[in-house]
Amino acid sequence: MNKIAIIYHTDLDGYGVKVAGRIYANQKGYEDKDIIFIKADYYKNANSKKKLFIDDLIDDHIKGHESEIDEIILGDISVKSEEKAEYLNELSKTKKVILRDHHDTAIWMNKYEWAKVRETDDEGIARSGTYWTAKELLSDEYIEKHPNLKKFIYLTDKFDAWTWAKSNPKLDEAVDLALLFSAMNEEGFDADIYPKLLLEEEVELFDEKMKFYLKIKNSDLKRQMWAAYFSLKSGVYTYKDGDKEIPLKVAVVSTENGSIIAEKLRELFVKFNKQFDFILNFGLNGGLALRCGDNPKVPVNKILMQMGDGSGGGHICSAGGKLPEGSIEKGIEAIFENLHINQLK
């Protein structure tokens, strides 16, 4: 039997795509040794030792190896260039190629029959890459017979589509799962979480070791969140849309890492500081996380394309990317070119 390639994003939702793809591959008769797992990101990171840019990874792992690969699954991530999309489109004529994503910046890929990019379902509920990939690859009957898998998909969906923050802020397990993933990494989840997802009886997803991790991570989350909140700066960012310039009030914070902190901060800003149009959180690892309020004047994924290195992506109210290449200090300077920073009173 030839191989199957699973290309997925680096976060929890991407890992959920890996889970659904791995189960599907095993059901089709592929052994784990026949699966090419490709963890990918939207942007090139000059400071990273690992090569994670999705278009480059397709060149490394797929191009030149077409005869060895029967199926290609992409989830929670889309290629950046039309050249790579056309390449995959040619492959789809002789191989099974599917892409299931939920990022607004990838809507353009819906012109291909093998690609479906949807932010919401038919009822208008925001959905994750894990949800769409599992819905495509796994039967409802299989998911119902595996309660731990069903719960994992549910929690990942709630966290990555941010419905936990808007509709049910007390859904702590969704945040806990994401915090655990950041603490244990993919390898830890493969060892401790994945086997539980294959069981037909319901068990506790989090053992005592994981609960200990969570205690530490939740404490650190609160520390970072309040440290960022009380040290924030604000300014006006001028978004340029052709000849039109749109002034946007922005809150600027810095934290050690990105998406979970940014999402928790958004709760605070929307509640206590409604005057801000968006929050810019830059991490000490060179990452950017942008979040907007309830009624965005400009989608933050469009703002990101102007202020980052142009290769990030995401949703209307939630997007991520990298600082421009070079040192973090230079990257921040580049972003703040049009931002008049004033310390809040």
Protein backbone atom coordinates (compact mmCIF):
# COMPACT_ATOMS: atom_id res chain seq x y z
CA MET A 1 0.00 0.00 0.00
CA ASN A 2 1.16 3.52 -0.79
CA LYS A 3 1.15 6.38 1.70
CA ILE A 4 -1.33 8.99 2.85
CA ALA A 5 -0.26 12.55 3.74
CA ILE A 6 -2.01 14.53 6.48
CA ILE A 7 -1.18 18.24 6.57
CA TYR A 8 -2.40 20.11 9.65
CA HIS A 9 -1.90 23.35 11.59
CA THR A 10 0.42 23.59 14.61
CA ASP A 11 -2.24 24.36 17.26
CA LEU A 12 -4.84 22.26 19.11
CA ASP A 13 -7.31 22.48 16.24
CA GLY A 14 -4.63 21.31 13.83
CA TYR A 15 -3.90 18.40 16.14
CA GLY A 16 -7.60 17.52 16.00
CA VAL A 17 -7.26 17.29 12.21
CA LYS A 18 -4.33 14.92 12.73
CA VAL A 19 -6.51 12.80 15.05
CA ALA A 20 -9.39 12.55 12.56
CA GLY A 21 -6.99 11.90 9.68
CA ARG A 22 -5.09 9.22 11.58
CA ILE A 23 -8.27 7.36 12.53
CA TYR A 24 -9.53 7.60 8.95
CA ALA A 25 -6.19 6.34 7.59
CA ASN A 26 -6.21 3.34 9.93
CA GLN A 27 -9.80 2.56 8.92
CA LYS A 28 -8.68 2.56 5.27
CA GLY A 29 -5.93 0.06 6.07
CA TYR A 30 -2.95 2.42 6.33
CA GLU A 31 -0.59 1.58 9.16
CA ASP A 32 1.00 4.46 11.06
CA LYS A 33 4.23 3.89 9.12
CA ASP A 34 2.26 4.62 5.93
CA ILE A 35 1.08 8.03 7.18
CA ILE A 36 3.11 11.15 6.43
CA PHE A 37 2.30 13.61 9.21
CA ILE A 38 3.09 17.18 8.15
CA LYS A 39 2.71 19.90 10.79
CA ALA A 40 2.50 23.24 8.98
CA ASP A 41 2.03 26.95 9.59
CA TYR A 42 0.91 29.93 7.52
CA TYR A 43 4.04 31.97 7.72
CA LYS A 44 7.78 31.69 7.38
CA ASN A 45 9.64 32.18 10.64
CA ALA A 46 13.24 33.18 10.14
CA ASN A 47 13.98 32.58 13.83
CA SER A 48 12.67 29.01 13.89
CA LYS A 49 14.93 25.99 13.48
CA LYS A 50 12.02 24.03 12.04
CA LYS A 51 10.66 24.51 8.53
CA LEU A 52 6.90 24.90 8.97
CA PHE A 53 5.71 27.06 6.06
CA ILE A 54 3.02 25.01 4.33
CA ASP A 55 3.97 25.75 0.70
CA ASP A 56 7.60 24.77 1.36
CA LEU A 57 6.54 21.60 3.15
CA ILE A 58 4.45 20.51 0.17
CA ASP A 59 7.56 20.92 -1.97
CA ASP A 60 9.61 18.89 0.53
CA HIS A 61 7.20 16.03 1.22
CA ILE A 62 4.78 15.77 -1.72
CA LYS A 63 6.48 17.09 -4.86
CA GLY A 64 8.69 14.44 -6.40
CA HIS A 65 7.01 11.72 -4.30
CA GLU A 66 3.62 11.75 -6.05
CA SER A 67 3.84 8.09 -7.13
CA GLU A 68 4.19 7.00 -3.47
CA ILE A 69 1.16 8.94 -2.17
CA ASP A 70 -2.47 7.97 -2.78
CA GLU A 71 -4.31 10.49 -0.60
CA ILE A 72 -3.66 14.00 0.71
CA ILE A 73 -5.68 15.52 3.55
CA LEU A 74 -5.32 19.17 4.56
CA GLY A 75 -7.18 20.55 7.54
CA ASP A 76 -7.31 23.77 9.57
CA ILE A 77 -4.81 25.25 7.14
CA SER A 78 -4.70 26.22 3.48
CA VAL A 79 -1.89 26.83 1.04
CA LYS A 80 -0.82 30.44 0.61
CA SER A 81 -0.05 30.57 -3.13
CA GLU A 82 -2.28 29.90 -6.12
CA GLU A 83 0.65 28.02 -7.64
CA LYS A 84 0.45 25.39 -4.85
CA ALA A 85 -3.34 25.27 -5.09
CA GLU A 86 -3.10 24.58 -8.82
CA TYR A 87 -0.51 21.88 -8.15
CA LEU A 88 -2.87 20.16 -5.70
CA ASN A 89 -5.71 20.58 -8.17
CA GLU A 90 -3.74 18.64 -10.78
CA LEU A 91 -3.04 15.91 -8.22
CA SER A 92 -6.76 15.71 -7.39
CA LYS A 93 -7.40 14.36 -10.89
CA THR A 94 -5.62 11.10 -10.06
CA LYS A 95 -5.55 11.04 -6.24
CA LYS A 96 -7.90 11.79 -3.38
CA VAL A 97 -7.20 15.33 -2.20
CA ILE A 98 -9.39 17.07 0.37
CA LEU A 99 -9.02 20.37 2.21
CA ARG A 100 -11.28 21.40 5.09
CA ASP A 101 -10.59 24.80 6.64
CA HIS A 102 -12.47 27.51 8.53
CA HIS A 103 -10.33 30.60 8.03
CA ASP A 104 -11.82 33.56 6.21
CA THR A 105 -8.51 34.28 4.48
CA ALA A 106 -8.75 30.94 2.65
CA ILE A 107 -12.27 31.40 1.21
CA TRP A 108 -10.72 31.81 -2.24
CA MET A 109 -9.93 28.09 -2.29
CA ASN A 110 -13.61 27.18 -2.55
CA LYS A 111 -13.28 27.44 -6.32
CA TYR A 112 -11.70 23.97 -6.21
CA GLU A 113 -14.02 20.96 -5.92
CA TRP A 114 -11.76 19.23 -3.38
CA ALA A 115 -11.58 22.25 -1.05
CA LYS A 116 -14.28 23.47 1.34
CA VAL A 117 -13.63 26.49 3.53
CA ARG A 118 -16.48 27.48 5.86
CA GLU A 119 -16.39 29.55 9.02
CA THR A 120 -19.92 28.62 10.09
CA ASP A 121 -22.37 25.78 9.56
CA ASP A 122 -25.86 26.11 8.06
CA GLU A 123 -27.20 27.38 11.39
CA GLY A 124 -24.57 30.13 11.59
CA ILE A 125 -22.55 28.43 14.33
CA ALA A 126 -18.78 29.00 14.09
CA ARG A 127 -16.93 25.72 13.48
CA SER A 128 -13.32 24.55 13.66
CA GLY A 129 -11.03 22.74 11.27
CA THR A 130 -11.30 19.66 13.49
CA TYR A 131 -15.09 19.70 13.20
CA TRP A 132 -15.11 19.97 9.40
CA THR A 133 -12.38 17.35 8.91
CA ALA A 134 -14.01 14.85 11.28
CA LYS A 135 -17.37 15.43 9.61
CA GLU A 136 -15.80 14.65 6.23
CA LEU A 137 -13.68 11.63 7.21
CA LEU A 138 -15.50 9.91 10.08
CA SER A 139 -19.07 8.63 10.22
CA ASP A 140 -21.51 9.95 12.81
CA GLU A 141 -21.93 6.36 13.99
CA TYR A 142 -18.20 5.99 14.69
CA ILE A 143 -18.05 9.26 16.63
CA GLU A 144 -21.11 8.32 18.70
CA LYS A 145 -19.49 4.96 19.59
CA HIS A 146 -16.38 6.74 20.85
CA PRO A 147 -17.48 9.16 23.60
CA ASN A 148 -13.98 10.43 24.40
CA LEU A 149 -13.38 11.28 20.74
CA LYS A 150 -16.77 13.00 20.59
CA LYS A 151 -15.90 15.09 23.64
CA PHE A 152 -12.46 15.94 22.24
CA ILE A 153 -13.99 17.17 18.97
CA TYR A 154 -16.60 19.16 20.90
CA LEU A 155 -14.07 20.87 23.17
CA THR A 156 -11.64 21.60 20.34
CA ASP A 157 -14.50 23.00 18.27
CA LYS A 158 -15.67 25.22 21.13
CA PHE A 159 -12.19 26.52 21.84
CA ASP A 160 -10.88 27.15 18.34
CA ALA A 161 -14.12 28.64 17.01
CA TRP A 162 -14.23 30.89 20.13
CA THR A 163 -17.86 30.04 20.86
CA TRP A 164 -16.79 29.16 24.43
CA ALA A 165 -15.97 32.82 25.12
CA LYS A 166 -19.17 34.26 23.67
CA SER A 167 -21.86 31.72 24.50
CA ASN A 168 -20.50 29.91 27.55
CA PRO A 169 -17.53 31.54 29.31
CA LYS A 170 -17.63 28.84 32.00
CA LEU A 171 -16.77 26.05 29.58
CA ASP A 172 -13.39 25.73 31.27
CA GLU A 173 -12.58 22.30 29.82
CA ALA A 174 -12.15 23.78 26.34
CA VAL A 175 -9.53 26.21 27.63
CA ASP A 176 -7.98 23.45 29.77
CA LEU A 177 -7.55 21.25 26.71
CA ALA A 178 -5.77 24.06 24.85
CA LEU A 179 -3.58 24.84 27.86
CA LEU A 180 -2.65 21.17 28.16
CA PHE A 181 -1.72 21.04 24.50
CA SER A 182 0.62 23.99 24.95
CA ALA A 183 2.16 22.29 28.01
CA MET A 184 2.42 18.72 26.71
CA ASN A 185 2.89 19.39 22.98
CA GLU A 186 1.82 17.05 20.20
CA GLU A 187 4.04 14.20 21.38
CA GLY A 188 2.49 14.24 24.84
CA PHE A 189 -1.03 14.18 23.40
CA ASP A 190 -0.11 11.30 21.10
CA ALA A 191 1.06 9.31 24.12
CA ASP A 192 -1.59 10.24 26.71
CA ILE A 193 -4.71 11.59 24.99
CA TYR A 194 -4.90 9.81 21.63
CA PRO A 195 -5.24 6.23 23.00
CA LYS A 196 -8.25 7.34 25.07
CA LEU A 197 -9.98 8.67 21.97
CA LEU A 198 -10.05 5.16 20.49
CA LEU A 199 -11.88 3.64 23.47
CA GLU A 200 -15.60 2.84 23.31
CA GLU A 201 -16.09 3.45 27.04
CA GLU A 202 -16.01 6.91 28.54
CA VAL A 203 -12.95 7.74 30.67
CA GLU A 204 -11.42 10.86 32.20
CA LEU A 205 -9.38 12.66 29.55
CA PHE A 206 -7.20 14.35 32.17
CA ASP A 207 -5.21 12.19 34.58
CA GLU A 208 -3.53 13.42 37.78
CA LYS A 209 -0.37 14.44 35.92
CA MET A 210 -2.39 16.54 33.49
CA LYS A 211 -4.34 18.17 36.33
CA PHE A 212 -1.03 19.15 37.89
CA TYR A 213 0.05 20.72 34.57
CA LEU A 214 -3.27 22.56 34.42
CA LYS A 215 -2.89 23.98 37.91
CA ILE A 216 0.46 25.47 36.91
CA LYS A 217 -0.72 26.65 33.48
CA ASN A 218 -3.91 28.27 34.80
CA SER A 219 -1.91 30.12 37.43
CA ASP A 220 0.53 31.29 34.75
CA LEU A 221 -2.36 32.28 32.47
CA LYS A 222 -3.82 34.57 35.14
CA ARG A 223 -0.42 36.08 35.87
CA GLN A 224 0.24 36.86 32.22
CA MET A 225 -3.27 38.11 31.60
CA TRP A 226 -3.31 40.65 34.41
CA ALA A 227 0.31 41.68 33.90
CA ALA A 228 -0.53 42.42 30.26
CA TYR A 229 -3.80 44.15 31.10
CA PHE A 230 -2.25 46.55 33.59
CA SER A 231 0.79 47.37 31.46
CA LEU A 232 -1.02 47.94 28.16
CA LYS A 233 -0.45 50.88 25.86
CA SER A 234 -2.85 52.37 23.36
CA GLY A 235 -2.66 54.29 20.14
CA VAL A 236 -4.22 54.90 16.75
CA TYR A 237 -3.39 52.62 13.83
CA THR A 238 -4.14 53.99 10.37
CA TYR A 239 -5.51 51.23 8.17
CA LYS A 240 -5.06 52.03 4.49
CA ASP A 241 -7.77 50.78 2.14
CA GLY A 242 -6.79 52.10 -1.26
CA ASP A 243 -7.00 55.88 -1.04
CA LYS A 244 -9.05 55.71 2.13
CA GLU A 245 -7.47 55.82 5.59
CA ILE A 246 -9.37 54.37 8.55
CA PRO A 247 -8.19 55.32 12.07
CA LEU A 248 -8.47 52.45 14.56
CA LYS A 249 -7.97 52.66 18.32
CA VAL A 250 -5.75 49.78 19.37
CA ALA A 251 -4.73 48.33 22.72
CA VAL A 252 -1.17 46.98 22.64
CA VAL A 253 0.03 44.31 25.05
CA SER A 254 2.94 41.90 25.20
CA THR A 255 2.82 38.38 26.64
CA GLU A 256 4.98 35.29 26.61
CA ASN A 257 2.68 33.43 24.24
CA GLY A 258 -0.31 34.04 22.06
CA SER A 259 -3.78 32.79 21.33
CA ILE A 260 -5.20 31.73 24.69
CA ILE A 261 -3.93 34.88 26.39
CA ALA A 262 -5.27 37.04 23.55
CA GLU A 263 -8.69 35.43 23.79
CA LYS A 264 -8.90 35.87 27.55
CA LEU A 265 -7.74 39.48 27.16
CA ARG A 266 -10.47 40.09 24.60
CA GLU A 267 -13.05 39.16 27.25
CA LEU A 268 -11.65 41.86 29.52
CA PHE A 269 -11.38 44.51 26.81
CA VAL A 270 -14.88 43.95 25.45
CA LYS A 271 -16.24 44.12 28.99
CA PHE A 272 -14.28 47.05 30.40
CA ASN A 273 -12.73 48.91 27.46
CA LYS A 274 -15.24 49.06 24.64
CA GLN A 275 -13.45 52.03 23.07
CA PHE A 276 -10.79 49.82 21.46
CA ASP A 277 -11.32 48.61 17.90
CA PHE A 278 -8.84 45.78 18.29
CA ILE A 279 -6.20 44.28 20.55
CA LEU A 280 -2.66 43.66 19.34
CA ASN A 281 -0.80 41.08 21.41
CA PHE A 282 2.79 40.42 20.39
CA GLY A 283 4.52 37.47 22.01
CA LEU A 284 8.13 37.30 23.09
CA ASN A 285 8.55 34.51 20.53
CA GLY A 286 7.87 37.00 17.71
CA GLY A 287 4.25 35.99 17.22
CA LEU A 288 1.29 38.31 16.69
CA ALA A 289 -2.29 37.78 17.83
CA LEU A 290 -5.02 40.24 16.85
CA ARG A 291 -8.53 40.28 18.33
CA CYS A 292 -11.39 42.69 17.70
CA GLY A 293 -14.50 43.73 19.58
CA ASP A 294 -18.06 42.78 18.69
CA ASN A 295 -18.42 45.13 15.71
CA PRO A 296 -15.16 45.38 13.76
CA LYS A 297 -14.62 48.43 11.55
CA VAL A 298 -12.01 46.42 9.63
CA PRO A 299 -11.46 42.63 9.84
CA VAL A 300 -8.31 41.98 11.85
CA ASN A 301 -7.09 39.45 9.28
CA LYS A 302 -6.86 42.34 6.80
CA ILE A 303 -5.06 44.52 9.34
CA LEU A 304 -2.61 41.69 9.91
CA MET A 305 -1.70 41.51 6.23
CA GLN A 306 -0.54 45.14 6.42
CA MET A 307 1.21 45.21 9.78
CA GLY A 308 2.83 41.76 9.94
CA ASP A 309 5.07 40.10 7.39
CA GLY A 310 2.06 39.60 5.11
CA SER A 311 1.87 35.83 5.48
CA GLY A 312 -0.36 35.32 8.51
CA GLY A 313 -4.06 34.57 8.41
CA GLY A 314 -7.22 33.91 10.33
CA HIS A 315 -10.70 35.17 10.96
CA ILE A 316 -12.54 38.48 10.89
CA CYS A 317 -12.19 38.94 14.66
CA SER A 318 -9.22 36.69 15.37
CA ALA A 319 -5.99 36.36 13.41
CA GLY A 320 -2.35 35.48 13.96
CA GLY A 321 0.97 35.88 12.27
CA LYS A 322 4.60 36.82 12.79
CA LEU A 323 6.51 40.02 13.29
CA PRO A 324 8.52 41.07 10.23
CA GLU A 325 11.81 39.21 9.80
CA GLY A 326 14.75 40.25 11.92
CA SER A 327 14.89 40.98 15.62
CA ILE A 328 11.73 41.33 17.67
CA GLU A 329 12.66 44.97 18.39
CA LYS A 330 12.91 45.80 14.66
CA GLY A 331 9.66 43.99 13.98
CA ILE A 332 7.84 45.97 16.63
CA GLU A 333 9.26 49.22 15.24
CA ALA A 334 7.98 48.28 11.78
CA ILE A 335 4.50 47.64 13.12
CA PHE A 336 4.41 50.86 15.11
CA GLU A 337 5.36 53.10 12.17
CA ASN A 338 1.86 54.58 12.05
CA LEU A 339 0.91 53.87 15.65
CA HIS A 340 1.07 56.79 18.07
CA ILE A 341 1.58 55.08 21.40
CA ASN A 342 0.46 56.74 24.61
CA GLN A 343 0.47 55.13 28.04
CA LEU A 344 -3.05 54.72 29.36
CA LYS A 345 -3.93 56.70 32.45
